[in-house]
Amino acid sequence: MPIKCDDYSHVCVISVSGDLVTPQTEALCRAVEERVADRRAVNFVIDFERSRFISSDGLEALLAIRRRCEERRGHVKLSGLDDNCRKILQITRLDRRFECHPDLPTAMRAAG
């Protein structure tokens, strides 16, 4: 399963397994939209510990998710980015738009 969701009381953790490319971006956006629409969550941590690449579709999806959450006064934090994913965010200057954390526990503490 490329996208796994774990719902906690105030935040949803979405773990991405494999590259964040078109099929996974659709699943990611769907998972976020379901939780926002059902008012289950507006705060998300997207964990990239098992992901090594983010495509342009993936970057667009992250921005759309961020906008959707901010509309509901929520936030999106990223965790576990490897060097390649961090470099992709830096090149596109999206590292300035997302709060990035080295690992999931650190991101969860910040989301709390």
PDB file of N, CA and C in Angstrom:
ATOM      1  N   MET A   1       0.847  -1.178   0.000  1.00  0.00           N
ATOM      2  CA  MET A   1       0.000   0.000   0.000  1.00  0.00           C
ATOM      3  C   MET A   1       0.895   1.245   0.000  1.00  0.00           C
ATOM      4  N   PRO A   2       0.801   2.089  -1.024  1.00  0.00           N
ATOM      5  CA  PRO A   2       1.693   3.246  -1.126  1.00  0.00           C
ATOM      6  C   PRO A   2       1.371   4.378  -0.138  1.00  0.00           C
ATOM      7  N   ILE A   3       0.113   4.498   0.296  1.00  0.00           N
ATOM      8  CA  ILE A   3      -0.289   5.560   1.216  1.00  0.00           C
ATOM      9  C   ILE A   3      -0.966   4.905   2.418  1.00  0.00           C
ATOM     10  N   LYS A   4      -0.472   5.207   3.617  1.00  0.00           N
ATOM     11  CA  LYS A   4      -1.054   4.664   4.845  1.00  0.00           C
ATOM     12  C   LYS A   4      -1.417   5.831   5.749  1.00  0.00           C
ATOM     13  N   CYS A   5      -2.632   5.804   6.285  1.00  0.00           N
ATOM     14  CA  CYS A   5      -3.110   6.888   7.154  1.00  0.00           C
ATOM     15  C   CYS A   5      -3.319   6.380   8.572  1.00  0.00           C
ATOM     16  N   ASP A   6      -2.821   7.124   9.526  1.00  0.00           N
ATOM     17  CA  ASP A   6      -3.051   6.853  10.937  1.00  0.00           C
ATOM     18  C   ASP A   6      -3.635   8.105  11.556  1.00  0.00           C
ATOM     19  N   ASP A   7      -4.870   7.996  12.047  1.00  0.00           N
ATOM     20  CA  ASP A   7      -5.552   9.140  12.638  1.00  0.00           C
ATOM     21  C   ASP A   7      -5.336   9.166  14.143  1.00  0.00           C
ATOM     22  N   TYR A   8      -4.898  10.308  14.632  1.00  0.00           N
ATOM     23  CA  TYR A   8      -4.743  10.550  16.055  1.00  0.00           C
ATOM     24  C   TYR A   8      -5.723  11.641  16.439  1.00  0.00           C
ATOM     25  N   SER A   9      -5.787  12.002  17.700  1.00  0.00           N
ATOM     26  CA  SER A   9      -6.815  12.937  18.155  1.00  0.00           C
ATOM     27  C   SER A   9      -6.753  14.290  17.461  1.00  0.00           C
ATOM     28  N   HIS A  10      -5.578  14.790  17.159  1.00  0.00           N
ATOM     29  CA  HIS A  10      -5.487  16.136  16.602  1.00  0.00           C
ATOM     30  C   HIS A  10      -4.722  16.202  15.282  1.00  0.00           C
ATOM     31  N   VAL A  11      -4.216  15.064  14.824  1.00  0.00           N
ATOM     32  CA  VAL A  11      -3.414  15.069  13.592  1.00  0.00           C
ATOM     33  C   VAL A  11      -3.530  13.725  12.882  1.00  0.00           C
ATOM     34  N   CYS A  12      -3.440  13.773  11.573  1.00  0.00           N
ATOM     35  CA  CYS A  12      -3.421  12.563  10.762  1.00  0.00           C
ATOM     36  C   CYS A  12      -2.012  12.406  10.198  1.00  0.00           C
ATOM     37  N   VAL A  13      -1.427  11.236  10.396  1.00  0.00           N
ATOM     38  CA  VAL A  13      -0.112  10.935   9.841  1.00  0.00           C
ATOM     39  C   VAL A  13      -0.325  10.121   8.576  1.00  0.00           C
ATOM     40  N   ILE A  14       0.207  10.625   7.477  1.00  0.00           N
ATOM     41  CA  ILE A  14       0.122   9.906   6.207  1.00  0.00           C
ATOM     42  C   ILE A  14       1.534   9.486   5.828  1.00  0.00           C
ATOM     43  N   SER A  15       1.741   8.180   5.735  1.00  0.00           N
ATOM     44  CA  SER A  15       3.046   7.634   5.361  1.00  0.00           C
ATOM     45  C   SER A  15       3.036   7.293   3.886  1.00  0.00           C
ATOM     46  N   VAL A  16       4.041   7.780   3.187  1.00  0.00           N
ATOM     47  CA  VAL A  16       4.188   7.528   1.753  1.00  0.00           C
ATOM     48  C   VAL A  16       5.242   6.445   1.570  1.00  0.00           C
ATOM     49  N   SER A  17       4.875   5.358   0.897  1.00  0.00           N
ATOM     50  CA  SER A  17       5.834   4.295   0.591  1.00  0.00           C
ATOM     51  C   SER A  17       6.108   4.317  -0.901  1.00  0.00           C
ATOM     52  N   GLY A  18       7.353   4.504  -1.261  1.00  0.00           N
ATOM     53  CA  GLY A  18       7.718   4.593  -2.669  1.00  0.00           C
ATOM     54  C   GLY A  18       7.674   6.038  -3.132  1.00  0.00           C
ATOM     55  N   ASP A  19       7.910   6.221  -4.411  1.00  0.00           N
ATOM     56  CA  ASP A  19       7.953   7.558  -4.989  1.00  0.00           C
ATOM     57  C   ASP A  19       6.576   8.218  -4.958  1.00  0.00           C
ATOM     58  N   LEU A  20       6.560   9.525  -4.689  1.00  0.00           N
ATOM     59  CA  LEU A  20       5.301  10.270  -4.729  1.00  0.00           C
ATOM     60  C   LEU A  20       5.101  10.752  -6.166  1.00  0.00           C
ATOM     61  N   VAL A  21       4.443   9.893  -6.946  1.00  0.00           N
ATOM     62  CA  VAL A  21       4.150  10.157  -8.359  1.00  0.00           C
ATOM     63  C   VAL A  21       2.638  10.060  -8.555  1.00  0.00           C
ATOM     64  N   THR A  22       2.169  10.246  -9.779  1.00  0.00           N
ATOM     65  CA  THR A  22       0.745  10.430 -10.061  1.00  0.00           C
ATOM     66  C   THR A  22      -0.210   9.479  -9.342  1.00  0.00           C
ATOM     67  N   PRO A  23      -0.082   8.162  -9.424  1.00  0.00           N
ATOM     68  CA  PRO A  23      -1.072   7.326  -8.725  1.00  0.00           C
ATOM     69  C   PRO A  23      -1.098   7.573  -7.217  1.00  0.00           C
ATOM     70  N   GLN A  24       0.088   7.759  -6.618  1.00  0.00           N
ATOM     71  CA  GLN A  24       0.145   8.004  -5.174  1.00  0.00           C
ATOM     72  C   GLN A  24      -0.379   9.392  -4.822  1.00  0.00           C
ATOM     73  N   THR A  25      -0.162  10.375  -5.704  1.00  0.00           N
ATOM     74  CA  THR A  25      -0.651  11.725  -5.399  1.00  0.00           C
ATOM     75  C   THR A  25      -2.168  11.740  -5.351  1.00  0.00           C
ATOM     76  N   GLU A  26      -2.795  10.967  -6.239  1.00  0.00           N
ATOM     77  CA  GLU A  26      -4.262  10.891  -6.235  1.00  0.00           C
ATOM     78  C   GLU A  26      -4.751  10.267  -4.941  1.00  0.00           C
ATOM     79  N   ALA A  27      -4.103   9.207  -4.493  1.00  0.00           N
ATOM     80  CA  ALA A  27      -4.486   8.558  -3.233  1.00  0.00           C
ATOM     81  C   ALA A  27      -4.242   9.489  -2.049  1.00  0.00           C
ATOM     82  N   LEU A  28      -3.129  10.223  -2.085  1.00  0.00           N
ATOM     83  CA  LEU A  28      -2.808  11.163  -1.014  1.00  0.00           C
ATOM     84  C   LEU A  28      -3.857  12.269  -0.923  1.00  0.00           C
ATOM     85  N   CYS A  29      -4.191  12.870  -2.050  1.00  0.00           N
ATOM     86  CA  CYS A  29      -5.194  13.947  -2.065  1.00  0.00           C
ATOM     87  C   CYS A  29      -6.557  13.435  -1.622  1.00  0.00           C
ATOM     88  N   ARG A  30      -6.906  12.237  -2.056  1.00  0.00           N
ATOM     89  CA  ARG A  30      -8.190  11.642  -1.672  1.00  0.00           C
ATOM     90  C   ARG A  30      -8.247  11.416  -0.156  1.00  0.00           C
ATOM     91  N   ALA A  31      -7.159  10.889   0.414  1.00  0.00           N
ATOM     92  CA  ALA A  31      -7.116  10.638   1.859  1.00  0.00           C
ATOM     93  C   ALA A  31      -7.263  11.930   2.655  1.00  0.00           C
ATOM     94  N   VAL A  32      -6.574  12.974   2.226  1.00  0.00           N
ATOM     95  CA  VAL A  32      -6.676  14.266   2.913  1.00  0.00           C
ATOM     96  C   VAL A  32      -8.077  14.828   2.769  1.00  0.00           C
ATOM     97  N   GLU A  33      -8.606  14.823   1.559  1.00  0.00           N
ATOM     98  CA  GLU A  33      -9.939  15.396   1.317  1.00  0.00           C
ATOM     99  C   GLU A  33     -11.017  14.685   2.138  1.00  0.00           C
ATOM    100  N   GLU A  34     -10.939  13.361   2.233  1.00  0.00           N
ATOM    101  CA  GLU A  34     -11.918  12.610   3.038  1.00  0.00           C
ATOM    102  C   GLU A  34     -11.880  13.053   4.492  1.00  0.00           C
ATOM    103  N   ARG A  35     -10.692  13.215   5.029  1.00  0.00           N
ATOM    104  CA  ARG A  35     -10.567  13.591   6.440  1.00  0.00           C
ATOM    105  C   ARG A  35     -10.985  15.034   6.686  1.00  0.00           C
ATOM    106  N   VAL A  36     -10.652  15.919   5.763  1.00  0.00           N
ATOM    107  CA  VAL A  36     -11.055  17.318   5.906  1.00  0.00           C
ATOM    108  C   VAL A  36     -12.564  17.445   5.750  1.00  0.00           C
ATOM    109  N   ALA A  37     -13.143  16.772   4.754  1.00  0.00           N
ATOM    110  CA  ALA A  37     -14.589  16.852   4.514  1.00  0.00           C
ATOM    111  C   ALA A  37     -15.386  16.282   5.684  1.00  0.00           C
ATOM    112  N   ASP A  38     -14.877  15.198   6.281  1.00  0.00           N
ATOM    113  CA  ASP A  38     -15.556  14.579   7.432  1.00  0.00           C
ATOM    114  C   ASP A  38     -15.218  15.263   8.752  1.00  0.00           C
ATOM    115  N   ARG A  39     -14.378  16.284   8.668  1.00  0.00           N
ATOM    116  CA  ARG A  39     -13.902  17.017   9.850  1.00  0.00           C
ATOM    117  C   ARG A  39     -13.171  16.127  10.849  1.00  0.00           C
ATOM    118  N   ARG A  40     -12.577  15.060  10.324  1.00  0.00           N
ATOM    119  CA  ARG A  40     -11.771  14.187  11.178  1.00  0.00           C
ATOM    120  C   ARG A  40     -10.408  14.796  11.458  1.00  0.00           C
ATOM    121  N   ALA A  41      -9.883  15.547  10.486  1.00  0.00           N
ATOM    122  CA  ALA A  41      -8.551  16.146  10.663  1.00  0.00           C
ATOM    123  C   ALA A  41      -8.392  17.348   9.745  1.00  0.00           C
ATOM    124  N   VAL A  42      -7.646  18.328  10.207  1.00  0.00           N
ATOM    125  CA  VAL A  42      -7.203  19.442   9.359  1.00  0.00           C
ATOM    126  C   VAL A  42      -5.700  19.632   9.496  1.00  0.00           C
ATOM    127  N   ASN A  43      -5.098  18.877  10.418  1.00  0.00           N
ATOM    128  CA  ASN A  43      -3.653  18.921  10.635  1.00  0.00           C
ATOM    129  C   ASN A  43      -3.047  17.597  10.181  1.00  0.00           C
ATOM    130  N   PHE A  44      -2.008  17.702   9.359  1.00  0.00           N
ATOM    131  CA  PHE A  44      -1.413  16.503   8.779  1.00  0.00           C
ATOM    132  C   PHE A  44       0.098  16.528   8.910  1.00  0.00           C
ATOM    133  N   VAL A  45       0.667  15.346   9.126  1.00  0.00           N
ATOM    134  CA  VAL A  45       2.101  15.118   8.991  1.00  0.00           C
ATOM    135  C   VAL A  45       2.240  14.100   7.873  1.00  0.00           C
ATOM    136  N   ILE A  46       2.977  14.461   6.848  1.00  0.00           N
ATOM    137  CA  ILE A  46       3.218  13.536   5.745  1.00  0.00           C
ATOM    138  C   ILE A  46       4.635  13.016   5.904  1.00  0.00           C
ATOM    139  N   ASP A  47       4.738  11.705   6.136  1.00  0.00           N
ATOM    140  CA  ASP A  47       6.008  11.064   6.437  1.00  0.00           C
ATOM    141  C   ASP A  47       6.615  10.458   5.171  1.00  0.00           C
ATOM    142  N   PHE A  48       7.794  10.921   4.819  1.00  0.00           N
ATOM    143  CA  PHE A  48       8.485  10.477   3.608  1.00  0.00           C
ATOM    144  C   PHE A  48       9.630   9.517   3.914  1.00  0.00           C
ATOM    145  N   GLU A  49       9.614   8.889   5.086  1.00  0.00           N
ATOM    146  CA  GLU A  49      10.717   8.011   5.477  1.00  0.00           C
ATOM    147  C   GLU A  49      10.961   6.893   4.454  1.00  0.00           C
ATOM    148  N   ARG A  50       9.907   6.400   3.805  1.00  0.00           N
ATOM    149  CA  ARG A  50      10.043   5.308   2.830  1.00  0.00           C
ATOM    150  C   ARG A  50       9.892   5.799   1.393  1.00  0.00           C
ATOM    151  N   SER A  51      10.146   7.064   1.169  1.00  0.00           N
ATOM    152  CA  SER A  51      10.017   7.643  -0.169  1.00  0.00           C
ATOM    153  C   SER A  51      11.333   8.292  -0.566  1.00  0.00           C
ATOM    154  N   ARG A  52      11.691   8.164  -1.840  1.00  0.00           N
ATOM    155  CA  ARG A  52      12.970   8.697  -2.309  1.00  0.00           C
ATOM    156  C   ARG A  52      12.827   9.720  -3.428  1.00  0.00           C
ATOM    157  N   PHE A  53      11.588   9.991  -3.869  1.00  0.00           N
ATOM    158  CA  PHE A  53      11.408  10.908  -4.997  1.00  0.00           C
ATOM    159  C   PHE A  53      10.030  11.551  -4.923  1.00  0.00           C
ATOM    160  N   ILE A  54       9.959  12.831  -5.298  1.00  0.00           N
ATOM    161  CA  ILE A  54       8.694  13.561  -5.388  1.00  0.00           C
ATOM    162  C   ILE A  54       8.633  14.156  -6.788  1.00  0.00           C
ATOM    163  N   SER A  55       7.636  13.750  -7.573  1.00  0.00           N
ATOM    164  CA  SER A  55       7.482  14.267  -8.936  1.00  0.00           C
ATOM    165  C   SER A  55       6.826  15.645  -8.901  1.00  0.00           C
ATOM    166  N   SER A  56       6.738  16.277 -10.070  1.00  0.00           N
ATOM    167  CA  SER A  56       6.064  17.574 -10.143  1.00  0.00           C
ATOM    168  C   SER A  56       4.600  17.429  -9.736  1.00  0.00           C
ATOM    169  N   ASP A  57       3.965  16.308 -10.091  1.00  0.00           N
ATOM    170  CA  ASP A  57       2.588  16.066  -9.637  1.00  0.00           C
ATOM    171  C   ASP A  57       2.534  15.979  -8.110  1.00  0.00           C
ATOM    172  N   GLY A  58       3.543  15.347  -7.537  1.00  0.00           N
ATOM    173  CA  GLY A  58       3.608  15.235  -6.084  1.00  0.00           C
ATOM    174  C   GLY A  58       3.752  16.593  -5.417  1.00  0.00           C
ATOM    175  N   LEU A  59       4.590  17.448  -6.010  1.00  0.00           N
ATOM    176  CA  LEU A  59       4.765  18.804  -5.466  1.00  0.00           C
ATOM    177  C   LEU A  59       3.472  19.600  -5.561  1.00  0.00           C
ATOM    178  N   GLU A  60       2.787  19.487  -6.695  1.00  0.00           N
ATOM    179  CA  GLU A  60       1.502  20.177  -6.856  1.00  0.00           C
ATOM    180  C   GLU A  60       0.486  19.667  -5.844  1.00  0.00           C
ATOM    181  N   ALA A  61       0.482  18.360  -5.611  1.00  0.00           N
ATOM    182  CA  ALA A  61      -0.441  17.787  -4.631  1.00  0.00           C
ATOM    183  C   ALA A  61      -0.146  18.316  -3.233  1.00  0.00           C
ATOM    184  N   LEU A  62       1.130  18.399  -2.871  1.00  0.00           N
ATOM    185  CA  LEU A  62       1.493  18.929  -1.552  1.00  0.00           C
ATOM    186  C   LEU A  62       1.014  20.366  -1.384  1.00  0.00           C
ATOM    187  N   LEU A  63       1.178  21.173  -2.422  1.00  0.00           N
ATOM    188  CA  LEU A  63       0.708  22.562  -2.351  1.00  0.00           C
ATOM    189  C   LEU A  63      -0.816  22.630  -2.246  1.00  0.00           C
ATOM    190  N   ALA A  64      -1.522  21.794  -2.994  1.00  0.00           N
ATOM    191  CA  ALA A  64      -2.989  21.780  -2.931  1.00  0.00           C
ATOM    192  C   ALA A  64      -3.464  21.349  -1.548  1.00  0.00           C
ATOM    193  N   ILE A  65      -2.798  20.363  -0.974  1.00  0.00           N
ATOM    194  CA  ILE A  65      -3.148  19.890   0.371  1.00  0.00           C
ATOM    195  C   ILE A  65      -2.893  21.006   1.387  1.00  0.00           C
ATOM    196  N   ARG A  66      -1.779  21.675   1.248  1.00  0.00           N
ATOM    197  CA  ARG A  66      -1.460  22.784   2.158  1.00  0.00           C
ATOM    198  C   ARG A  66      -2.541  23.865   2.094  1.00  0.00           C
ATOM    199  N   ARG A  67      -2.926  24.258   0.870  1.00  0.00           N
ATOM    200  CA  ARG A  67      -3.979  25.280   0.719  1.00  0.00           C
ATOM    201  C   ARG A  67      -5.293  24.814   1.351  1.00  0.00           C
ATOM    202  N   ARG A  68      -5.651  23.571   1.100  1.00  0.00           N
ATOM    203  CA  ARG A  68      -6.918  23.031   1.635  1.00  0.00           C
ATOM    204  C   ARG A  68      -6.917  23.047   3.164  1.00  0.00           C
ATOM    205  N   CYS A  69      -5.816  22.647   3.750  1.00  0.00           N
ATOM    206  CA  CYS A  69      -5.727  22.627   5.214  1.00  0.00           C
ATOM    207  C   CYS A  69      -5.744  24.038   5.787  1.00  0.00           C
ATOM    208  N   GLU A  70      -5.049  24.946   5.144  1.00  0.00           N
ATOM    209  CA  GLU A  70      -5.021  26.328   5.632  1.00  0.00           C
ATOM    210  C   GLU A  70      -6.398  26.975   5.549  1.00  0.00           C
ATOM    211  N   GLU A  71      -7.197  26.592   4.553  1.00  0.00           N
ATOM    212  CA  GLU A  71      -8.576  27.095   4.470  1.00  0.00           C
ATOM    213  C   GLU A  71      -9.363  26.738   5.725  1.00  0.00           C
ATOM    214  N   ARG A  72      -9.021  25.616   6.327  1.00  0.00           N
ATOM    215  CA  ARG A  72      -9.696  25.135   7.538  1.00  0.00           C
ATOM    216  C   ARG A  72      -8.891  25.424   8.804  1.00  0.00           C
ATOM    217  N   ARG A  73      -7.901  26.307   8.670  1.00  0.00           N
ATOM    218  CA  ARG A  73      -7.028  26.690   9.778  1.00  0.00           C
ATOM    219  C   ARG A  73      -6.189  25.522  10.298  1.00  0.00           C
ATOM    220  N   GLY A  74      -5.836  24.631   9.393  1.00  0.00           N
ATOM    221  CA  GLY A  74      -4.970  23.505   9.727  1.00  0.00           C
ATOM    222  C   GLY A  74      -3.580  23.709   9.167  1.00  0.00           C
ATOM    223  N   HIS A  75      -2.751  22.689   9.297  1.00  0.00           N
ATOM    224  CA  HIS A  75      -1.387  22.779   8.792  1.00  0.00           C
ATOM    225  C   HIS A  75      -0.910  21.428   8.264  1.00  0.00           C
ATOM    226  N   VAL A  76       0.159  21.496   7.489  1.00  0.00           N
ATOM    227  CA  VAL A  76       0.811  20.305   6.943  1.00  0.00           C
ATOM    228  C   VAL A  76       2.286  20.398   7.290  1.00  0.00           C
ATOM    229  N   LYS A  77       2.814  19.330   7.868  1.00  0.00           N
ATOM    230  CA  LYS A  77       4.241  19.245   8.170  1.00  0.00           C
ATOM    231  C   LYS A  77       4.795  18.020   7.445  1.00  0.00           C
ATOM    232  N   LEU A  78       6.035  18.102   7.024  1.00  0.00           N
ATOM    233  CA  LEU A  78       6.678  16.996   6.330  1.00  0.00           C
ATOM    234  C   LEU A  78       7.749  16.407   7.232  1.00  0.00           C
ATOM    235  N   SER A  79       7.916  15.091   7.183  1.00  0.00           N
ATOM    236  CA  SER A  79       8.952  14.455   8.002  1.00  0.00           C
ATOM    237  C   SER A  79       9.679  13.382   7.206  1.00  0.00           C
ATOM    238  N   GLY A  80      10.881  13.071   7.663  1.00  0.00           N
ATOM    239  CA  GLY A  80      11.645  11.960   7.121  1.00  0.00           C
ATOM    240  C   GLY A  80      12.124  12.112   5.692  1.00  0.00           C
ATOM    241  N   LEU A  81      12.290  13.337   5.230  1.00  0.00           N
ATOM    242  CA  LEU A  81      12.757  13.548   3.852  1.00  0.00           C
ATOM    243  C   LEU A  81      14.223  13.127   3.725  1.00  0.00           C
ATOM    244  N   ASP A  82      14.530  12.321   2.713  1.00  0.00           N
ATOM    245  CA  ASP A  82      15.931  11.976   2.473  1.00  0.00           C
ATOM    246  C   ASP A  82      16.606  13.121   1.719  1.00  0.00           C
ATOM    247  N   ASP A  83      17.889  12.969   1.438  1.00  0.00           N
ATOM    248  CA  ASP A  83      18.642  14.040   0.770  1.00  0.00           C
ATOM    249  C   ASP A  83      18.037  14.406  -0.579  1.00  0.00           C
ATOM    250  N   ASN A  84      17.605  13.405  -1.346  1.00  0.00           N
ATOM    251  CA  ASN A  84      17.043  13.673  -2.669  1.00  0.00           C
ATOM    252  C   ASN A  84      15.742  14.474  -2.576  1.00  0.00           C
ATOM    253  N   CYS A  85      14.838  14.052  -1.703  1.00  0.00           N
ATOM    254  CA  CYS A  85      13.562  14.774  -1.554  1.00  0.00           C
ATOM    255  C   CYS A  85      13.791  16.180  -1.012  1.00  0.00           C
ATOM    256  N   ARG A  86      14.733  16.314  -0.076  1.00  0.00           N
ATOM    257  CA  ARG A  86      15.062  17.647   0.450  1.00  0.00           C
ATOM    258  C   ARG A  86      15.595  18.546  -0.656  1.00  0.00           C
ATOM    259  N   LYS A  87      16.439  17.989  -1.514  1.00  0.00           N
ATOM    260  CA  LYS A  87      17.011  18.742  -2.626  1.00  0.00           C
ATOM    261  C   LYS A  87      15.915  19.183  -3.599  1.00  0.00           C
ATOM    262  N   ILE A  88      14.953  18.312  -3.876  1.00  0.00           N
ATOM    263  CA  ILE A  88      13.824  18.657  -4.756  1.00  0.00           C
ATOM    264  C   ILE A  88      13.061  19.843  -4.173  1.00  0.00           C
ATOM    265  N   LEU A  89      12.808  19.809  -2.879  1.00  0.00           N
ATOM    266  CA  LEU A  89      12.100  20.921  -2.236  1.00  0.00           C
ATOM    267  C   LEU A  89      12.948  22.198  -2.265  1.00  0.00           C
ATOM    268  N   GLN A  90      14.246  22.071  -2.082  1.00  0.00           N
ATOM    269  CA  GLN A  90      15.112  23.254  -2.113  1.00  0.00           C
ATOM    270  C   GLN A  90      15.164  23.876  -3.506  1.00  0.00           C
ATOM    271  N   ILE A  91      15.335  23.045  -4.528  1.00  0.00           N
ATOM    272  CA  ILE A  91      15.422  23.541  -5.907  1.00  0.00           C
ATOM    273  C   ILE A  91      14.148  24.284  -6.301  1.00  0.00           C
ATOM    274  N   THR A  92      13.008  23.761  -5.868  1.00  0.00           N
ATOM    275  CA  THR A  92      11.719  24.376  -6.198  1.00  0.00           C
ATOM    276  C   THR A  92      11.317  25.453  -5.194  1.00  0.00           C
ATOM    277  N   ARG A  93      12.174  25.656  -4.202  1.00  0.00           N
ATOM    278  CA  ARG A  93      11.952  26.623  -3.123  1.00  0.00           C
ATOM    279  C   ARG A  93      10.718  26.321  -2.271  1.00  0.00           C
ATOM    280  N   LEU A  94      10.258  25.099  -2.340  1.00  0.00           N
ATOM    281  CA  LEU A  94       9.115  24.714  -1.517  1.00  0.00           C
ATOM    282  C   LEU A  94       9.537  24.392  -0.092  1.00  0.00           C
ATOM    283  N   ASP A  95      10.836  24.266   0.137  1.00  0.00           N
ATOM    284  CA  ASP A  95      11.303  24.066   1.506  1.00  0.00           C
ATOM    285  C   ASP A  95      10.967  25.269   2.380  1.00  0.00           C
ATOM    286  N   ARG A  96      10.700  26.413   1.746  1.00  0.00           N
ATOM    287  CA  ARG A  96      10.301  27.623   2.480  1.00  0.00           C
ATOM    288  C   ARG A  96       8.807  27.651   2.783  1.00  0.00           C
ATOM    289  N   ARG A  97       8.058  26.803   2.107  1.00  0.00           N
ATOM    290  CA  ARG A  97       6.596  26.799   2.266  1.00  0.00           C
ATOM    291  C   ARG A  97       6.107  25.701   3.202  1.00  0.00           C
ATOM    292  N   PHE A  98       6.995  24.727   3.470  1.00  0.00           N
ATOM    293  CA  PHE A  98       6.612  23.607   4.333  1.00  0.00           C
ATOM    294  C   PHE A  98       7.557  23.527   5.523  1.00  0.00           C
ATOM    295  N   GLU A  99       6.984  23.210   6.657  1.00  0.00           N
ATOM    296  CA  GLU A  99       7.782  22.951   7.840  1.00  0.00           C
ATOM    297  C   GLU A  99       8.257  21.509   7.743  1.00  0.00           C
ATOM    298  N   CYS A 100       9.565  21.319   7.666  1.00  0.00           N
ATOM    299  CA  CYS A 100      10.148  19.988   7.485  1.00  0.00           C
ATOM    300  C   CYS A 100      10.856  19.549   8.770  1.00  0.00           C
ATOM    301  N   HIS A 101      10.675  18.279   9.129  1.00  0.00           N
ATOM    302  CA  HIS A 101      11.274  17.725  10.340  1.00  0.00           C
ATOM    303  C   HIS A 101      12.068  16.475   9.984  1.00  0.00           C
ATOM    304  N   PRO A 102      13.130  16.194  10.732  1.00  0.00           N
ATOM    305  CA  PRO A 102      13.992  15.058  10.388  1.00  0.00           C
ATOM    306  C   PRO A 102      13.312  13.696  10.536  1.00  0.00           C
ATOM    307  N   ASP A 103      12.349  13.609  11.464  1.00  0.00           N
ATOM    308  CA  ASP A 103      11.697  12.317  11.687  1.00  0.00           C
ATOM    309  C   ASP A 103      10.266  12.528  12.186  1.00  0.00           C
ATOM    310  N   LEU A 104       9.516  11.453  12.218  1.00  0.00           N
ATOM    311  CA  LEU A 104       8.097  11.510  12.599  1.00  0.00           C
ATOM    312  C   LEU A 104       7.884  11.968  14.044  1.00  0.00           C
ATOM    313  N   PRO A 105       8.628  11.443  15.024  1.00  0.00           N
ATOM    314  CA  PRO A 105       8.395  11.916  16.398  1.00  0.00           C
ATOM    315  C   PRO A 105       8.590  13.424  16.556  1.00  0.00           C
ATOM    316  N   THR A 106       9.594  13.971  15.887  1.00  0.00           N
ATOM    317  CA  THR A 106       9.832  15.422  15.964  1.00  0.00           C
ATOM    318  C   THR A 106       8.676  16.186  15.335  1.00  0.00           C
ATOM    319  N   ALA A 107       8.205  15.710  14.190  1.00  0.00           N
ATOM    320  CA  ALA A 107       7.070  16.354  13.515  1.00  0.00           C
ATOM    321  C   ALA A 107       5.806  16.272  14.359  1.00  0.00           C
ATOM    322  N   MET A 108       5.592  15.145  15.021  1.00  0.00           N
ATOM    323  CA  MET A 108       4.399  14.988  15.867  1.00  0.00           C
ATOM    324  C   MET A 108       4.460  15.936  17.055  1.00  0.00           C
ATOM    325  N   ARG A 109       5.617  16.092  17.641  1.00  0.00           N
ATOM    326  CA  ARG A 109       5.745  17.046  18.766  1.00  0.00           C
ATOM    327  C   ARG A 109       5.424  18.459  18.281  1.00  0.00           C
ATOM    328  N   ALA A 110       5.898  18.818  17.094  1.00  0.00           N
ATOM    329  CA  ALA A 110       5.632  20.153  16.545  1.00  0.00           C
ATOM    330  C   ALA A 110       4.170  20.322  16.186  1.00  0.00           C
ATOM    331  N   ALA A 111       3.512  19.239  15.809  1.00  0.00           N
ATOM    332  CA  ALA A 111       2.093  19.316  15.420  1.00  0.00           C
ATOM    333  C   ALA A 111       1.193  19.428  16.637  1.00  0.00           C
ATOM    334  N   GLY A 112       1.701  19.019  17.803  1.00  0.00           N
ATOM    335  CA  GLY A 112       0.915  18.990  19.016  1.00  0.00           C
ATOM    336  C   GLY A 112       0.616  20.330  19.538  1.00  0.00           C
TER     337      GLY A 112
END
